[in-house]
Amino acid sequence: MKWSHPPPLNSGRPRRGFQHSVMVRVENIDRHHERAEQRGARIFRQPADYPYGDRQDTAEDLVGRCWTFSQSIADVAPEEWGGTRGQI
């Protein structure tokens, strides 16, 4: 099933019990997304660009685990998207 406007992960829609998502960096999010969809992953969020310089999508695998895949597309300073720099 595909949604034209996927619900947020906390939408209250029945899930298989996952309460977290694992984030994995990939080299090409669009190619990875296409392959995941072809192999039966349930897509929650289509690939989208975010102001902090990442392109991400979120899917559920065949056994119900939630995965967020991310590709860096720009080097953006935190101040440009409303973030703050941390102190080390």
C-alpha atoms as a PDB file:
ATOM      1  CA  MET A   1       0.000   0.000   0.000  1.00  0.00           C
ATOM      2  CA  LYS A   2       1.224   3.486  -0.854  1.00  0.00           C
ATOM      3  CA  TRP A   3      -0.072   6.723   0.571  1.00  0.00           C
ATOM      4  CA  SER A   4      -0.061   9.943  -1.361  1.00  0.00           C
ATOM      5  CA  HIS A   5       0.534  11.694   1.972  1.00  0.00           C
ATOM      6  CA  PRO A   6       2.039   9.188   4.443  1.00  0.00           C
ATOM      7  CA  PRO A   7       1.005   9.666   8.052  1.00  0.00           C
ATOM      8  CA  PRO A   8       3.649  10.619  10.619  1.00  0.00           C
ATOM      9  CA  LEU A   9       5.058   7.653  12.529  1.00  0.00           C
ATOM     10  CA  ASN A  10       3.177   8.709  15.668  1.00  0.00           C
ATOM     11  CA  SER A  11      -0.197   9.028  13.907  1.00  0.00           C
ATOM     12  CA  GLY A  12      -1.950   6.422  16.053  1.00  0.00           C
ATOM     13  CA  ARG A  13      -2.321   4.133  13.047  1.00  0.00           C
ATOM     14  CA  PRO A  14      -2.042   0.465  14.102  1.00  0.00           C
ATOM     15  CA  ARG A  15       1.512  -0.837  13.840  1.00  0.00           C
ATOM     16  CA  ARG A  16       3.166  -4.156  14.507  1.00  0.00           C
ATOM     17  CA  GLY A  17       4.521  -2.909  17.801  1.00  0.00           C
ATOM     18  CA  PHE A  18       7.702  -1.024  16.896  1.00  0.00           C
ATOM     19  CA  GLN A  19       8.492   1.966  19.037  1.00  0.00           C
ATOM     20  CA  HIS A  20      11.739   3.050  17.447  1.00  0.00           C
ATOM     21  CA  SER A  21      13.417   3.455  14.088  1.00  0.00           C
ATOM     22  CA  VAL A  22      16.979   2.595  13.137  1.00  0.00           C
ATOM     23  CA  MET A  23      18.697   5.215  10.966  1.00  0.00           C
ATOM     24  CA  VAL A  24      21.101   4.028   8.280  1.00  0.00           C
ATOM     25  CA  ARG A  25      23.204   6.217   5.998  1.00  0.00           C
ATOM     26  CA  VAL A  26      23.070   5.265   2.314  1.00  0.00           C
ATOM     27  CA  GLU A  27      24.938   6.584  -0.702  1.00  0.00           C
ATOM     28  CA  ASN A  28      21.902   7.056  -2.980  1.00  0.00           C
ATOM     29  CA  ILE A  29      18.543   7.322  -1.206  1.00  0.00           C
ATOM     30  CA  ASP A  30      16.439   7.270  -4.370  1.00  0.00           C
ATOM     31  CA  ARG A  31      18.024   4.085  -5.703  1.00  0.00           C
ATOM     32  CA  HIS A  32      17.805   2.466  -2.253  1.00  0.00           C
ATOM     33  CA  HIS A  33      14.136   3.493  -1.918  1.00  0.00           C
ATOM     34  CA  GLU A  34      13.268   2.034  -5.323  1.00  0.00           C
ATOM     35  CA  ARG A  35      14.931  -1.279  -4.478  1.00  0.00           C
ATOM     36  CA  ALA A  36      13.237  -1.468  -1.061  1.00  0.00           C
ATOM     37  CA  GLU A  37       9.844  -0.808  -2.612  1.00  0.00           C
ATOM     38  CA  GLN A  38      10.402  -3.452  -5.299  1.00  0.00           C
ATOM     39  CA  ARG A  39      11.291  -5.983  -2.605  1.00  0.00           C
ATOM     40  CA  GLY A  40       8.127  -5.423  -0.603  1.00  0.00           C
ATOM     41  CA  ALA A  41       9.050  -2.854   2.043  1.00  0.00           C
ATOM     42  CA  ARG A  42       6.082  -0.882   3.342  1.00  0.00           C
ATOM     43  CA  ILE A  43       6.861   2.776   2.714  1.00  0.00           C
ATOM     44  CA  PHE A  44       5.850   5.216   5.459  1.00  0.00           C
ATOM     45  CA  ARG A  45       7.603   8.306   4.100  1.00  0.00           C
ATOM     46  CA  GLN A  46       8.730   8.868   0.521  1.00  0.00           C
ATOM     47  CA  PRO A  47      12.227  10.346   0.042  1.00  0.00           C
ATOM     48  CA  ALA A  48      12.205  14.013   1.025  1.00  0.00           C
ATOM     49  CA  ASP A  49      14.808  16.746   1.474  1.00  0.00           C
ATOM     50  CA  TYR A  50      15.231  18.281   4.927  1.00  0.00           C
ATOM     51  CA  PRO A  51      16.609  21.756   5.762  1.00  0.00           C
ATOM     52  CA  TYR A  52      19.530  20.285   7.731  1.00  0.00           C
ATOM     53  CA  GLY A  53      21.037  18.816   4.548  1.00  0.00           C
ATOM     54  CA  ASP A  54      19.719  15.244   4.492  1.00  0.00           C
ATOM     55  CA  ARG A  55      17.359  13.389   2.173  1.00  0.00           C
ATOM     56  CA  GLN A  56      15.457  10.659   4.039  1.00  0.00           C
ATOM     57  CA  ASP A  57      12.740   8.041   3.738  1.00  0.00           C
ATOM     58  CA  THR A  58      11.197   5.642   6.243  1.00  0.00           C
ATOM     59  CA  ALA A  59       9.977   2.092   5.658  1.00  0.00           C
ATOM     60  CA  GLU A  60       8.944  -1.062   7.465  1.00  0.00           C
ATOM     61  CA  ASP A  61      10.713  -4.277   6.473  1.00  0.00           C
ATOM     62  CA  LEU A  62       9.028  -7.633   5.900  1.00  0.00           C
ATOM     63  CA  VAL A  63       9.229  -8.623   9.576  1.00  0.00           C
ATOM     64  CA  GLY A  64       7.940  -5.297  10.948  1.00  0.00           C
ATOM     65  CA  ARG A  65      11.109  -3.359  11.805  1.00  0.00           C
ATOM     66  CA  CYS A  66      11.091   0.366  11.091  1.00  0.00           C
ATOM     67  CA  TRP A  67      14.051   1.864   9.207  1.00  0.00           C
ATOM     68  CA  THR A  68      14.896   5.455   8.316  1.00  0.00           C
ATOM     69  CA  PHE A  69      17.410   5.785   5.501  1.00  0.00           C
ATOM     70  CA  SER A  70      19.369   8.994   5.099  1.00  0.00           C
ATOM     71  CA  GLN A  71      21.686  10.517   2.502  1.00  0.00           C
ATOM     72  CA  SER A  72      23.706  13.701   3.083  1.00  0.00           C
ATOM     73  CA  ILE A  73      22.952  16.140   0.263  1.00  0.00           C
ATOM     74  CA  ALA A  74      24.359  19.409   1.653  1.00  0.00           C
ATOM     75  CA  ASP A  75      26.636  20.673   4.406  1.00  0.00           C
ATOM     76  CA  VAL A  76      24.349  23.078   6.270  1.00  0.00           C
ATOM     77  CA  ALA A  77      25.306  25.009   9.394  1.00  0.00           C
ATOM     78  CA  PRO A  78      22.877  24.347  12.292  1.00  0.00           C
ATOM     79  CA  GLU A  79      22.072  28.069  12.542  1.00  0.00           C
ATOM     80  CA  GLU A  80      20.714  28.001   8.965  1.00  0.00           C
ATOM     81  CA  TRP A  81      17.915  25.567   9.869  1.00  0.00           C
ATOM     82  CA  GLY A  82      17.191  26.633  13.439  1.00  0.00           C
ATOM     83  CA  GLY A  83      19.595  24.309  15.236  1.00  0.00           C
ATOM     84  CA  THR A  84      22.387  25.203  17.640  1.00  0.00           C
ATOM     85  CA  ARG A  85      25.992  24.086  17.845  1.00  0.00           C
ATOM     86  CA  GLY A  86      26.810  21.831  20.751  1.00  0.00           C
ATOM     87  CA  GLN A  87      29.776  22.236  23.074  1.00  0.00           C
ATOM     88  CA  ILE A  88      32.361  19.465  23.254  1.00  0.00           C
END
